Amino acid sequence: IDVVLGLEAGADDYVTKPFDGAVL
């Protein structure tokens, strides 16, 4: 739910951990 909360707070995008450095 933190993903949606972050977007609602004004974030433009999100990346899921663990992430690949090239993707980030």
PDBML (XML) file of the C-alpha atoms, coordinates in Angstrom:
<?xml version="1.0" encoding="UTF-8" ?>
<PDBx:datablock datablockName="MODEL"
   xmlns:PDBx="http://pdbml.pdb.org/schema/pdbx-v50.xsd"
   xmlns:xsi="http://www.w3.org/2001/XMLSchema-instance"
   xsi:schemaLocation="http://pdbml.pdb.org/schema/pdbx-v50.xsd pdbx-v50.xsd">
   <PDBx:atom_siteCategory>
      <PDBx:atom_site id="1">
         <PDBx:B_iso_or_equiv>0.00</PDBx:B_iso_or_equiv>
         <PDBx:Cartn_x>0.000</PDBx:Cartn_x>
         <PDBx:Cartn_y>0.000</PDBx:Cartn_y>
         <PDBx:Cartn_z>0.000</PDBx:Cartn_z>
         <PDBx:auth_asym_id>A</PDBx:auth_asym_id>
         <PDBx:auth_atom_id>CA</PDBx:auth_atom_id>
         <PDBx:auth_comp_id>ILE</PDBx:auth_comp_id>
         <PDBx:auth_seq_id>1</PDBx:auth_seq_id>
         <PDBx:group_PDB>ATOM</PDBx:group_PDB>
         <PDBx:label_alt_id xsi:nil="true" />
         <PDBx:label_asym_id>A</PDBx:label_asym_id>
         <PDBx:label_atom_id>CA</PDBx:label_atom_id>
         <PDBx:label_comp_id>ILE</PDBx:label_comp_id>
         <PDBx:label_entity_id>1</PDBx:label_entity_id>
         <PDBx:label_seq_id>1</PDBx:label_seq_id>
         <PDBx:occupancy>1.00</PDBx:occupancy>
         <PDBx:pdbx_PDB_model_num>1</PDBx:pdbx_PDB_model_num>
         <PDBx:type_symbol>C</PDBx:type_symbol>
      </PDBx:atom_site>
      <PDBx:atom_site id="2">
         <PDBx:B_iso_or_equiv>0.00</PDBx:B_iso_or_equiv>
         <PDBx:Cartn_x>3.037</PDBx:Cartn_x>
         <PDBx:Cartn_y>2.235</PDBx:Cartn_y>
         <PDBx:Cartn_z>0.465</PDBx:Cartn_z>
         <PDBx:auth_asym_id>A</PDBx:auth_asym_id>
         <PDBx:auth_atom_id>CA</PDBx:auth_atom_id>
         <PDBx:auth_comp_id>ASP</PDBx:auth_comp_id>
         <PDBx:auth_seq_id>2</PDBx:auth_seq_id>
         <PDBx:group_PDB>ATOM</PDBx:group_PDB>
         <PDBx:label_alt_id xsi:nil="true" />
         <PDBx:label_asym_id>A</PDBx:label_asym_id>
         <PDBx:label_atom_id>CA</PDBx:label_atom_id>
         <PDBx:label_comp_id>ASP</PDBx:label_comp_id>
         <PDBx:label_entity_id>1</PDBx:label_entity_id>
         <PDBx:label_seq_id>2</PDBx:label_seq_id>
         <PDBx:occupancy>1.00</PDBx:occupancy>
         <PDBx:pdbx_PDB_model_num>1</PDBx:pdbx_PDB_model_num>
         <PDBx:type_symbol>C</PDBx:type_symbol>
      </PDBx:atom_site>
      <PDBx:atom_site id="3">
         <PDBx:B_iso_or_equiv>0.00</PDBx:B_iso_or_equiv>
         <PDBx:Cartn_x>3.397</PDBx:Cartn_x>
         <PDBx:Cartn_y>2.393</PDBx:Cartn_y>
         <PDBx:Cartn_z>-3.333</PDBx:Cartn_z>
         <PDBx:auth_asym_id>A</PDBx:auth_asym_id>
         <PDBx:auth_atom_id>CA</PDBx:auth_atom_id>
         <PDBx:auth_comp_id>VAL</PDBx:auth_comp_id>
         <PDBx:auth_seq_id>3</PDBx:auth_seq_id>
         <PDBx:group_PDB>ATOM</PDBx:group_PDB>
         <PDBx:label_alt_id xsi:nil="true" />
         <PDBx:label_asym_id>A</PDBx:label_asym_id>
         <PDBx:label_atom_id>CA</PDBx:label_atom_id>
         <PDBx:label_comp_id>VAL</PDBx:label_comp_id>
         <PDBx:label_entity_id>1</PDBx:label_entity_id>
         <PDBx:label_seq_id>3</PDBx:label_seq_id>
         <PDBx:occupancy>1.00</PDBx:occupancy>
         <PDBx:pdbx_PDB_model_num>1</PDBx:pdbx_PDB_model_num>
         <PDBx:type_symbol>C</PDBx:type_symbol>
      </PDBx:atom_site>
      <PDBx:atom_site id="4">
         <PDBx:B_iso_or_equiv>0.00</PDBx:B_iso_or_equiv>
         <PDBx:Cartn_x>-0.022</PDBx:Cartn_x>
         <PDBx:Cartn_y>3.970</PDBx:Cartn_y>
         <PDBx:Cartn_z>-3.721</PDBx:Cartn_z>
         <PDBx:auth_asym_id>A</PDBx:auth_asym_id>
         <PDBx:auth_atom_id>CA</PDBx:auth_atom_id>
         <PDBx:auth_comp_id>VAL</PDBx:auth_comp_id>
         <PDBx:auth_seq_id>4</PDBx:auth_seq_id>
         <PDBx:group_PDB>ATOM</PDBx:group_PDB>
         <PDBx:label_alt_id xsi:nil="true" />
         <PDBx:label_asym_id>A</PDBx:label_asym_id>
         <PDBx:label_atom_id>CA</PDBx:label_atom_id>
         <PDBx:label_comp_id>VAL</PDBx:label_comp_id>
         <PDBx:label_entity_id>1</PDBx:label_entity_id>
         <PDBx:label_seq_id>4</PDBx:label_seq_id>
         <PDBx:occupancy>1.00</PDBx:occupancy>
         <PDBx:pdbx_PDB_model_num>1</PDBx:pdbx_PDB_model_num>
         <PDBx:type_symbol>C</PDBx:type_symbol>
      </PDBx:atom_site>
      <PDBx:atom_site id="5">
         <PDBx:B_iso_or_equiv>0.00</PDBx:B_iso_or_equiv>
         <PDBx:Cartn_x>0.508</PDBx:Cartn_x>
         <PDBx:Cartn_y>6.203</PDBx:Cartn_y>
         <PDBx:Cartn_z>-0.693</PDBx:Cartn_z>
         <PDBx:auth_asym_id>A</PDBx:auth_asym_id>
         <PDBx:auth_atom_id>CA</PDBx:auth_atom_id>
         <PDBx:auth_comp_id>LEU</PDBx:auth_comp_id>
         <PDBx:auth_seq_id>5</PDBx:auth_seq_id>
         <PDBx:group_PDB>ATOM</PDBx:group_PDB>
         <PDBx:label_alt_id xsi:nil="true" />
         <PDBx:label_asym_id>A</PDBx:label_asym_id>
         <PDBx:label_atom_id>CA</PDBx:label_atom_id>
         <PDBx:label_comp_id>LEU</PDBx:label_comp_id>
         <PDBx:label_entity_id>1</PDBx:label_entity_id>
         <PDBx:label_seq_id>5</PDBx:label_seq_id>
         <PDBx:occupancy>1.00</PDBx:occupancy>
         <PDBx:pdbx_PDB_model_num>1</PDBx:pdbx_PDB_model_num>
         <PDBx:type_symbol>C</PDBx:type_symbol>
      </PDBx:atom_site>
      <PDBx:atom_site id="6">
         <PDBx:B_iso_or_equiv>0.00</PDBx:B_iso_or_equiv>
         <PDBx:Cartn_x>3.774</PDBx:Cartn_x>
         <PDBx:Cartn_y>7.454</PDBx:Cartn_y>
         <PDBx:Cartn_z>-2.192</PDBx:Cartn_z>
         <PDBx:auth_asym_id>A</PDBx:auth_asym_id>
         <PDBx:auth_atom_id>CA</PDBx:auth_atom_id>
         <PDBx:auth_comp_id>GLY</PDBx:auth_comp_id>
         <PDBx:auth_seq_id>6</PDBx:auth_seq_id>
         <PDBx:group_PDB>ATOM</PDBx:group_PDB>
         <PDBx:label_alt_id xsi:nil="true" />
         <PDBx:label_asym_id>A</PDBx:label_asym_id>
         <PDBx:label_atom_id>CA</PDBx:label_atom_id>
         <PDBx:label_comp_id>GLY</PDBx:label_comp_id>
         <PDBx:label_entity_id>1</PDBx:label_entity_id>
         <PDBx:label_seq_id>6</PDBx:label_seq_id>
         <PDBx:occupancy>1.00</PDBx:occupancy>
         <PDBx:pdbx_PDB_model_num>1</PDBx:pdbx_PDB_model_num>
         <PDBx:type_symbol>C</PDBx:type_symbol>
      </PDBx:atom_site>
      <PDBx:atom_site id="7">
         <PDBx:B_iso_or_equiv>0.00</PDBx:B_iso_or_equiv>
         <PDBx:Cartn_x>2.133</PDBx:Cartn_x>
         <PDBx:Cartn_y>8.240</PDBx:Cartn_y>
         <PDBx:Cartn_z>-5.525</PDBx:Cartn_z>
         <PDBx:auth_asym_id>A</PDBx:auth_asym_id>
         <PDBx:auth_atom_id>CA</PDBx:auth_atom_id>
         <PDBx:auth_comp_id>LEU</PDBx:auth_comp_id>
         <PDBx:auth_seq_id>7</PDBx:auth_seq_id>
         <PDBx:group_PDB>ATOM</PDBx:group_PDB>
         <PDBx:label_alt_id xsi:nil="true" />
         <PDBx:label_asym_id>A</PDBx:label_asym_id>
         <PDBx:label_atom_id>CA</PDBx:label_atom_id>
         <PDBx:label_comp_id>LEU</PDBx:label_comp_id>
         <PDBx:label_entity_id>1</PDBx:label_entity_id>
         <PDBx:label_seq_id>7</PDBx:label_seq_id>
         <PDBx:occupancy>1.00</PDBx:occupancy>
         <PDBx:pdbx_PDB_model_num>1</PDBx:pdbx_PDB_model_num>
         <PDBx:type_symbol>C</PDBx:type_symbol>
      </PDBx:atom_site>
      <PDBx:atom_site id="8">
         <PDBx:B_iso_or_equiv>0.00</PDBx:B_iso_or_equiv>
         <PDBx:Cartn_x>-0.764</PDBx:Cartn_x>
         <PDBx:Cartn_y>9.967</PDBx:Cartn_y>
         <PDBx:Cartn_z>-3.792</PDBx:Cartn_z>
         <PDBx:auth_asym_id>A</PDBx:auth_asym_id>
         <PDBx:auth_atom_id>CA</PDBx:auth_atom_id>
         <PDBx:auth_comp_id>GLU</PDBx:auth_comp_id>
         <PDBx:auth_seq_id>8</PDBx:auth_seq_id>
         <PDBx:group_PDB>ATOM</PDBx:group_PDB>
         <PDBx:label_alt_id xsi:nil="true" />
         <PDBx:label_asym_id>A</PDBx:label_asym_id>
         <PDBx:label_atom_id>CA</PDBx:label_atom_id>
         <PDBx:label_comp_id>GLU</PDBx:label_comp_id>
         <PDBx:label_entity_id>1</PDBx:label_entity_id>
         <PDBx:label_seq_id>8</PDBx:label_seq_id>
         <PDBx:occupancy>1.00</PDBx:occupancy>
         <PDBx:pdbx_PDB_model_num>1</PDBx:pdbx_PDB_model_num>
         <PDBx:type_symbol>C</PDBx:type_symbol>
      </PDBx:atom_site>
      <PDBx:atom_site id="9">
         <PDBx:B_iso_or_equiv>0.00</PDBx:B_iso_or_equiv>
         <PDBx:Cartn_x>1.752</PDBx:Cartn_x>
         <PDBx:Cartn_y>12.034</PDBx:Cartn_y>
         <PDBx:Cartn_z>-1.832</PDBx:Cartn_z>
         <PDBx:auth_asym_id>A</PDBx:auth_asym_id>
         <PDBx:auth_atom_id>CA</PDBx:auth_atom_id>
         <PDBx:auth_comp_id>ALA</PDBx:auth_comp_id>
         <PDBx:auth_seq_id>9</PDBx:auth_seq_id>
         <PDBx:group_PDB>ATOM</PDBx:group_PDB>
         <PDBx:label_alt_id xsi:nil="true" />
         <PDBx:label_asym_id>A</PDBx:label_asym_id>
         <PDBx:label_atom_id>CA</PDBx:label_atom_id>
         <PDBx:label_comp_id>ALA</PDBx:label_comp_id>
         <PDBx:label_entity_id>1</PDBx:label_entity_id>
         <PDBx:label_seq_id>9</PDBx:label_seq_id>
         <PDBx:occupancy>1.00</PDBx:occupancy>
         <PDBx:pdbx_PDB_model_num>1</PDBx:pdbx_PDB_model_num>
         <PDBx:type_symbol>C</PDBx:type_symbol>
      </PDBx:atom_site>
      <PDBx:atom_site id="10">
         <PDBx:B_iso_or_equiv>0.00</PDBx:B_iso_or_equiv>
         <PDBx:Cartn_x>3.093</PDBx:Cartn_x>
         <PDBx:Cartn_y>13.391</PDBx:Cartn_y>
         <PDBx:Cartn_z>-5.116</PDBx:Cartn_z>
         <PDBx:auth_asym_id>A</PDBx:auth_asym_id>
         <PDBx:auth_atom_id>CA</PDBx:auth_atom_id>
         <PDBx:auth_comp_id>GLY</PDBx:auth_comp_id>
         <PDBx:auth_seq_id>10</PDBx:auth_seq_id>
         <PDBx:group_PDB>ATOM</PDBx:group_PDB>
         <PDBx:label_alt_id xsi:nil="true" />
         <PDBx:label_asym_id>A</PDBx:label_asym_id>
         <PDBx:label_atom_id>CA</PDBx:label_atom_id>
         <PDBx:label_comp_id>GLY</PDBx:label_comp_id>
         <PDBx:label_entity_id>1</PDBx:label_entity_id>
         <PDBx:label_seq_id>10</PDBx:label_seq_id>
         <PDBx:occupancy>1.00</PDBx:occupancy>
         <PDBx:pdbx_PDB_model_num>1</PDBx:pdbx_PDB_model_num>
         <PDBx:type_symbol>C</PDBx:type_symbol>
      </PDBx:atom_site>
      <PDBx:atom_site id="11">
         <PDBx:B_iso_or_equiv>0.00</PDBx:B_iso_or_equiv>
         <PDBx:Cartn_x>5.736</PDBx:Cartn_x>
         <PDBx:Cartn_y>10.915</PDBx:Cartn_y>
         <PDBx:Cartn_z>-6.308</PDBx:Cartn_z>
         <PDBx:auth_asym_id>A</PDBx:auth_asym_id>
         <PDBx:auth_atom_id>CA</PDBx:auth_atom_id>
         <PDBx:auth_comp_id>ALA</PDBx:auth_comp_id>
         <PDBx:auth_seq_id>11</PDBx:auth_seq_id>
         <PDBx:group_PDB>ATOM</PDBx:group_PDB>
         <PDBx:label_alt_id xsi:nil="true" />
         <PDBx:label_asym_id>A</PDBx:label_asym_id>
         <PDBx:label_atom_id>CA</PDBx:label_atom_id>
         <PDBx:label_comp_id>ALA</PDBx:label_comp_id>
         <PDBx:label_entity_id>1</PDBx:label_entity_id>
         <PDBx:label_seq_id>11</PDBx:label_seq_id>
         <PDBx:occupancy>1.00</PDBx:occupancy>
         <PDBx:pdbx_PDB_model_num>1</PDBx:pdbx_PDB_model_num>
         <PDBx:type_symbol>C</PDBx:type_symbol>
      </PDBx:atom_site>
      <PDBx:atom_site id="12">
         <PDBx:B_iso_or_equiv>0.00</PDBx:B_iso_or_equiv>
         <PDBx:Cartn_x>6.147</PDBx:Cartn_x>
         <PDBx:Cartn_y>10.619</PDBx:Cartn_y>
         <PDBx:Cartn_z>-10.064</PDBx:Cartn_z>
         <PDBx:auth_asym_id>A</PDBx:auth_asym_id>
         <PDBx:auth_atom_id>CA</PDBx:auth_atom_id>
         <PDBx:auth_comp_id>ASP</PDBx:auth_comp_id>
         <PDBx:auth_seq_id>12</PDBx:auth_seq_id>
         <PDBx:group_PDB>ATOM</PDBx:group_PDB>
         <PDBx:label_alt_id xsi:nil="true" />
         <PDBx:label_asym_id>A</PDBx:label_asym_id>
         <PDBx:label_atom_id>CA</PDBx:label_atom_id>
         <PDBx:label_comp_id>ASP</PDBx:label_comp_id>
         <PDBx:label_entity_id>1</PDBx:label_entity_id>
         <PDBx:label_seq_id>12</PDBx:label_seq_id>
         <PDBx:occupancy>1.00</PDBx:occupancy>
         <PDBx:pdbx_PDB_model_num>1</PDBx:pdbx_PDB_model_num>
         <PDBx:type_symbol>C</PDBx:type_symbol>
      </PDBx:atom_site>
      <PDBx:atom_site id="13">
         <PDBx:B_iso_or_equiv>0.00</PDBx:B_iso_or_equiv>
         <PDBx:Cartn_x>7.194</PDBx:Cartn_x>
         <PDBx:Cartn_y>6.969</PDBx:Cartn_y>
         <PDBx:Cartn_z>-10.193</PDBx:Cartn_z>
         <PDBx:auth_asym_id>A</PDBx:auth_asym_id>
         <PDBx:auth_atom_id>CA</PDBx:auth_atom_id>
         <PDBx:auth_comp_id>ASP</PDBx:auth_comp_id>
         <PDBx:auth_seq_id>13</PDBx:auth_seq_id>
         <PDBx:group_PDB>ATOM</PDBx:group_PDB>
         <PDBx:label_alt_id xsi:nil="true" />
         <PDBx:label_asym_id>A</PDBx:label_asym_id>
         <PDBx:label_atom_id>CA</PDBx:label_atom_id>
         <PDBx:label_comp_id>ASP</PDBx:label_comp_id>
         <PDBx:label_entity_id>1</PDBx:label_entity_id>
         <PDBx:label_seq_id>13</PDBx:label_seq_id>
         <PDBx:occupancy>1.00</PDBx:occupancy>
         <PDBx:pdbx_PDB_model_num>1</PDBx:pdbx_PDB_model_num>
         <PDBx:type_symbol>C</PDBx:type_symbol>
      </PDBx:atom_site>
      <PDBx:atom_site id="14">
         <PDBx:B_iso_or_equiv>0.00</PDBx:B_iso_or_equiv>
         <PDBx:Cartn_x>8.418</PDBx:Cartn_x>
         <PDBx:Cartn_y>4.098</PDBx:Cartn_y>
         <PDBx:Cartn_z>-8.025</PDBx:Cartn_z>
         <PDBx:auth_asym_id>A</PDBx:auth_asym_id>
         <PDBx:auth_atom_id>CA</PDBx:auth_atom_id>
         <PDBx:auth_comp_id>TYR</PDBx:auth_comp_id>
         <PDBx:auth_seq_id>14</PDBx:auth_seq_id>
         <PDBx:group_PDB>ATOM</PDBx:group_PDB>
         <PDBx:label_alt_id xsi:nil="true" />
         <PDBx:label_asym_id>A</PDBx:label_asym_id>
         <PDBx:label_atom_id>CA</PDBx:label_atom_id>
         <PDBx:label_comp_id>TYR</PDBx:label_comp_id>
         <PDBx:label_entity_id>1</PDBx:label_entity_id>
         <PDBx:label_seq_id>14</PDBx:label_seq_id>
         <PDBx:occupancy>1.00</PDBx:occupancy>
         <PDBx:pdbx_PDB_model_num>1</PDBx:pdbx_PDB_model_num>
         <PDBx:type_symbol>C</PDBx:type_symbol>
      </PDBx:atom_site>
      <PDBx:atom_site id="15">
         <PDBx:B_iso_or_equiv>0.00</PDBx:B_iso_or_equiv>
         <PDBx:Cartn_x>10.931</PDBx:Cartn_x>
         <PDBx:Cartn_y>1.269</PDBx:Cartn_y>
         <PDBx:Cartn_z>-8.246</PDBx:Cartn_z>
         <PDBx:auth_asym_id>A</PDBx:auth_asym_id>
         <PDBx:auth_atom_id>CA</PDBx:auth_atom_id>
         <PDBx:auth_comp_id>VAL</PDBx:auth_comp_id>
         <PDBx:auth_seq_id>15</PDBx:auth_seq_id>
         <PDBx:group_PDB>ATOM</PDBx:group_PDB>
         <PDBx:label_alt_id xsi:nil="true" />
         <PDBx:label_asym_id>A</PDBx:label_asym_id>
         <PDBx:label_atom_id>CA</PDBx:label_atom_id>
         <PDBx:label_comp_id>VAL</PDBx:label_comp_id>
         <PDBx:label_entity_id>1</PDBx:label_entity_id>
         <PDBx:label_seq_id>15</PDBx:label_seq_id>
         <PDBx:occupancy>1.00</PDBx:occupancy>
         <PDBx:pdbx_PDB_model_num>1</PDBx:pdbx_PDB_model_num>
         <PDBx:type_symbol>C</PDBx:type_symbol>
      </PDBx:atom_site>
      <PDBx:atom_site id="16">
         <PDBx:B_iso_or_equiv>0.00</PDBx:B_iso_or_equiv>
         <PDBx:Cartn_x>10.600</PDBx:Cartn_x>
         <PDBx:Cartn_y>-2.035</PDBx:Cartn_y>
         <PDBx:Cartn_z>-6.373</PDBx:Cartn_z>
         <PDBx:auth_asym_id>A</PDBx:auth_asym_id>
         <PDBx:auth_atom_id>CA</PDBx:auth_atom_id>
         <PDBx:auth_comp_id>THR</PDBx:auth_comp_id>
         <PDBx:auth_seq_id>16</PDBx:auth_seq_id>
         <PDBx:group_PDB>ATOM</PDBx:group_PDB>
         <PDBx:label_alt_id xsi:nil="true" />
         <PDBx:label_asym_id>A</PDBx:label_asym_id>
         <PDBx:label_atom_id>CA</PDBx:label_atom_id>
         <PDBx:label_comp_id>THR</PDBx:label_comp_id>
         <PDBx:label_entity_id>1</PDBx:label_entity_id>
         <PDBx:label_seq_id>16</PDBx:label_seq_id>
         <PDBx:occupancy>1.00</PDBx:occupancy>
         <PDBx:pdbx_PDB_model_num>1</PDBx:pdbx_PDB_model_num>
         <PDBx:type_symbol>C</PDBx:type_symbol>
      </PDBx:atom_site>
      <PDBx:atom_site id="17">
         <PDBx:B_iso_or_equiv>0.00</PDBx:B_iso_or_equiv>
         <PDBx:Cartn_x>13.486</PDBx:Cartn_x>
         <PDBx:Cartn_y>-3.318</PDBx:Cartn_y>
         <PDBx:Cartn_z>-4.230</PDBx:Cartn_z>
         <PDBx:auth_asym_id>A</PDBx:auth_asym_id>
         <PDBx:auth_atom_id>CA</PDBx:auth_atom_id>
         <PDBx:auth_comp_id>LYS</PDBx:auth_comp_id>
         <PDBx:auth_seq_id>17</PDBx:auth_seq_id>
         <PDBx:group_PDB>ATOM</PDBx:group_PDB>
         <PDBx:label_alt_id xsi:nil="true" />
         <PDBx:label_asym_id>A</PDBx:label_asym_id>
         <PDBx:label_atom_id>CA</PDBx:label_atom_id>
         <PDBx:label_comp_id>LYS</PDBx:label_comp_id>
         <PDBx:label_entity_id>1</PDBx:label_entity_id>
         <PDBx:label_seq_id>17</PDBx:label_seq_id>
         <PDBx:occupancy>1.00</PDBx:occupancy>
         <PDBx:pdbx_PDB_model_num>1</PDBx:pdbx_PDB_model_num>
         <PDBx:type_symbol>C</PDBx:type_symbol>
      </PDBx:atom_site>
      <PDBx:atom_site id="18">
         <PDBx:B_iso_or_equiv>0.00</PDBx:B_iso_or_equiv>
         <PDBx:Cartn_x>15.666</PDBx:Cartn_x>
         <PDBx:Cartn_y>-5.213</PDBx:Cartn_y>
         <PDBx:Cartn_z>-4.815</PDBx:Cartn_z>
         <PDBx:auth_asym_id>A</PDBx:auth_asym_id>
         <PDBx:auth_atom_id>CA</PDBx:auth_atom_id>
         <PDBx:auth_comp_id>PRO</PDBx:auth_comp_id>
         <PDBx:auth_seq_id>18</PDBx:auth_seq_id>
         <PDBx:group_PDB>ATOM</PDBx:group_PDB>
         <PDBx:label_alt_id xsi:nil="true" />
         <PDBx:label_asym_id>A</PDBx:label_asym_id>
         <PDBx:label_atom_id>CA</PDBx:label_atom_id>
         <PDBx:label_comp_id>PRO</PDBx:label_comp_id>
         <PDBx:label_entity_id>1</PDBx:label_entity_id>
         <PDBx:label_seq_id>18</PDBx:label_seq_id>
         <PDBx:occupancy>1.00</PDBx:occupancy>
         <PDBx:pdbx_PDB_model_num>1</PDBx:pdbx_PDB_model_num>
         <PDBx:type_symbol>C</PDBx:type_symbol>
      </PDBx:atom_site>
      <PDBx:atom_site id="19">
         <PDBx:B_iso_or_equiv>0.00</PDBx:B_iso_or_equiv>
         <PDBx:Cartn_x>16.350</PDBx:Cartn_x>
         <PDBx:Cartn_y>-3.387</PDBx:Cartn_y>
         <PDBx:Cartn_z>-8.070</PDBx:Cartn_z>
         <PDBx:auth_asym_id>A</PDBx:auth_asym_id>
         <PDBx:auth_atom_id>CA</PDBx:auth_atom_id>
         <PDBx:auth_comp_id>PHE</PDBx:auth_comp_id>
         <PDBx:auth_seq_id>19</PDBx:auth_seq_id>
         <PDBx:group_PDB>ATOM</PDBx:group_PDB>
         <PDBx:label_alt_id xsi:nil="true" />
         <PDBx:label_asym_id>A</PDBx:label_asym_id>
         <PDBx:label_atom_id>CA</PDBx:label_atom_id>
         <PDBx:label_comp_id>PHE</PDBx:label_comp_id>
         <PDBx:label_entity_id>1</PDBx:label_entity_id>
         <PDBx:label_seq_id>19</PDBx:label_seq_id>
         <PDBx:occupancy>1.00</PDBx:occupancy>
         <PDBx:pdbx_PDB_model_num>1</PDBx:pdbx_PDB_model_num>
         <PDBx:type_symbol>C</PDBx:type_symbol>
      </PDBx:atom_site>
      <PDBx:atom_site id="20">
         <PDBx:B_iso_or_equiv>0.00</PDBx:B_iso_or_equiv>
         <PDBx:Cartn_x>18.841</PDBx:Cartn_x>
         <PDBx:Cartn_y>-3.758</PDBx:Cartn_y>
         <PDBx:Cartn_z>-10.867</PDBx:Cartn_z>
         <PDBx:auth_asym_id>A</PDBx:auth_asym_id>
         <PDBx:auth_atom_id>CA</PDBx:auth_atom_id>
         <PDBx:auth_comp_id>ASP</PDBx:auth_comp_id>
         <PDBx:auth_seq_id>20</PDBx:auth_seq_id>
         <PDBx:group_PDB>ATOM</PDBx:group_PDB>
         <PDBx:label_alt_id xsi:nil="true" />
         <PDBx:label_asym_id>A</PDBx:label_asym_id>
         <PDBx:label_atom_id>CA</PDBx:label_atom_id>
         <PDBx:label_comp_id>ASP</PDBx:label_comp_id>
         <PDBx:label_entity_id>1</PDBx:label_entity_id>
         <PDBx:label_seq_id>20</PDBx:label_seq_id>
         <PDBx:occupancy>1.00</PDBx:occupancy>
         <PDBx:pdbx_PDB_model_num>1</PDBx:pdbx_PDB_model_num>
         <PDBx:type_symbol>C</PDBx:type_symbol>
      </PDBx:atom_site>
      <PDBx:atom_site id="21">
         <PDBx:B_iso_or_equiv>0.00</PDBx:B_iso_or_equiv>
         <PDBx:Cartn_x>21.146</PDBx:Cartn_x>
         <PDBx:Cartn_y>-0.751</PDBx:Cartn_y>
         <PDBx:Cartn_z>-11.098</PDBx:Cartn_z>
         <PDBx:auth_asym_id>A</PDBx:auth_asym_id>
         <PDBx:auth_atom_id>CA</PDBx:auth_atom_id>
         <PDBx:auth_comp_id>GLY</PDBx:auth_comp_id>
         <PDBx:auth_seq_id>21</PDBx:auth_seq_id>
         <PDBx:group_PDB>ATOM</PDBx:group_PDB>
         <PDBx:label_alt_id xsi:nil="true" />
         <PDBx:label_asym_id>A</PDBx:label_asym_id>
         <PDBx:label_atom_id>CA</PDBx:label_atom_id>
         <PDBx:label_comp_id>GLY</PDBx:label_comp_id>
         <PDBx:label_entity_id>1</PDBx:label_entity_id>
         <PDBx:label_seq_id>21</PDBx:label_seq_id>
         <PDBx:occupancy>1.00</PDBx:occupancy>
         <PDBx:pdbx_PDB_model_num>1</PDBx:pdbx_PDB_model_num>
         <PDBx:type_symbol>C</PDBx:type_symbol>
      </PDBx:atom_site>
      <PDBx:atom_site id="22">
         <PDBx:B_iso_or_equiv>0.00</PDBx:B_iso_or_equiv>
         <PDBx:Cartn_x>20.647</PDBx:Cartn_x>
         <PDBx:Cartn_y>-0.389</PDBx:Cartn_y>
         <PDBx:Cartn_z>-14.848</PDBx:Cartn_z>
         <PDBx:auth_asym_id>A</PDBx:auth_asym_id>
         <PDBx:auth_atom_id>CA</PDBx:auth_atom_id>
         <PDBx:auth_comp_id>ALA</PDBx:auth_comp_id>
         <PDBx:auth_seq_id>22</PDBx:auth_seq_id>
         <PDBx:group_PDB>ATOM</PDBx:group_PDB>
         <PDBx:label_alt_id xsi:nil="true" />
         <PDBx:label_asym_id>A</PDBx:label_asym_id>
         <PDBx:label_atom_id>CA</PDBx:label_atom_id>
         <PDBx:label_comp_id>ALA</PDBx:label_comp_id>
         <PDBx:label_entity_id>1</PDBx:label_entity_id>
         <PDBx:label_seq_id>22</PDBx:label_seq_id>
         <PDBx:occupancy>1.00</PDBx:occupancy>
         <PDBx:pdbx_PDB_model_num>1</PDBx:pdbx_PDB_model_num>
         <PDBx:type_symbol>C</PDBx:type_symbol>
      </PDBx:atom_site>
      <PDBx:atom_site id="23">
         <PDBx:B_iso_or_equiv>0.00</PDBx:B_iso_or_equiv>
         <PDBx:Cartn_x>16.869</PDBx:Cartn_x>
         <PDBx:Cartn_y>-0.398</PDBx:Cartn_y>
         <PDBx:Cartn_z>-14.429</PDBx:Cartn_z>
         <PDBx:auth_asym_id>A</PDBx:auth_asym_id>
         <PDBx:auth_atom_id>CA</PDBx:auth_atom_id>
         <PDBx:auth_comp_id>VAL</PDBx:auth_comp_id>
         <PDBx:auth_seq_id>23</PDBx:auth_seq_id>
         <PDBx:group_PDB>ATOM</PDBx:group_PDB>
         <PDBx:label_alt_id xsi:nil="true" />
         <PDBx:label_asym_id>A</PDBx:label_asym_id>
         <PDBx:label_atom_id>CA</PDBx:label_atom_id>
         <PDBx:label_comp_id>VAL</PDBx:label_comp_id>
         <PDBx:label_entity_id>1</PDBx:label_entity_id>
         <PDBx:label_seq_id>23</PDBx:label_seq_id>
         <PDBx:occupancy>1.00</PDBx:occupancy>
         <PDBx:pdbx_PDB_model_num>1</PDBx:pdbx_PDB_model_num>
         <PDBx:type_symbol>C</PDBx:type_symbol>
      </PDBx:atom_site>
      <PDBx:atom_site id="24">
         <PDBx:B_iso_or_equiv>0.00</PDBx:B_iso_or_equiv>
         <PDBx:Cartn_x>17.053</PDBx:Cartn_x>
         <PDBx:Cartn_y>2.253</PDBx:Cartn_y>
         <PDBx:Cartn_z>-11.725</PDBx:Cartn_z>
         <PDBx:auth_asym_id>A</PDBx:auth_asym_id>
         <PDBx:auth_atom_id>CA</PDBx:auth_atom_id>
         <PDBx:auth_comp_id>LEU</PDBx:auth_comp_id>
         <PDBx:auth_seq_id>24</PDBx:auth_seq_id>
         <PDBx:group_PDB>ATOM</PDBx:group_PDB>
         <PDBx:label_alt_id xsi:nil="true" />
         <PDBx:label_asym_id>A</PDBx:label_asym_id>
         <PDBx:label_atom_id>CA</PDBx:label_atom_id>
         <PDBx:label_comp_id>LEU</PDBx:label_comp_id>
         <PDBx:label_entity_id>1</PDBx:label_entity_id>
         <PDBx:label_seq_id>24</PDBx:label_seq_id>
         <PDBx:occupancy>1.00</PDBx:occupancy>
         <PDBx:pdbx_PDB_model_num>1</PDBx:pdbx_PDB_model_num>
         <PDBx:type_symbol>C</PDBx:type_symbol>
      </PDBx:atom_site>
   </PDBx:atom_siteCategory>
</PDBx:datablock>
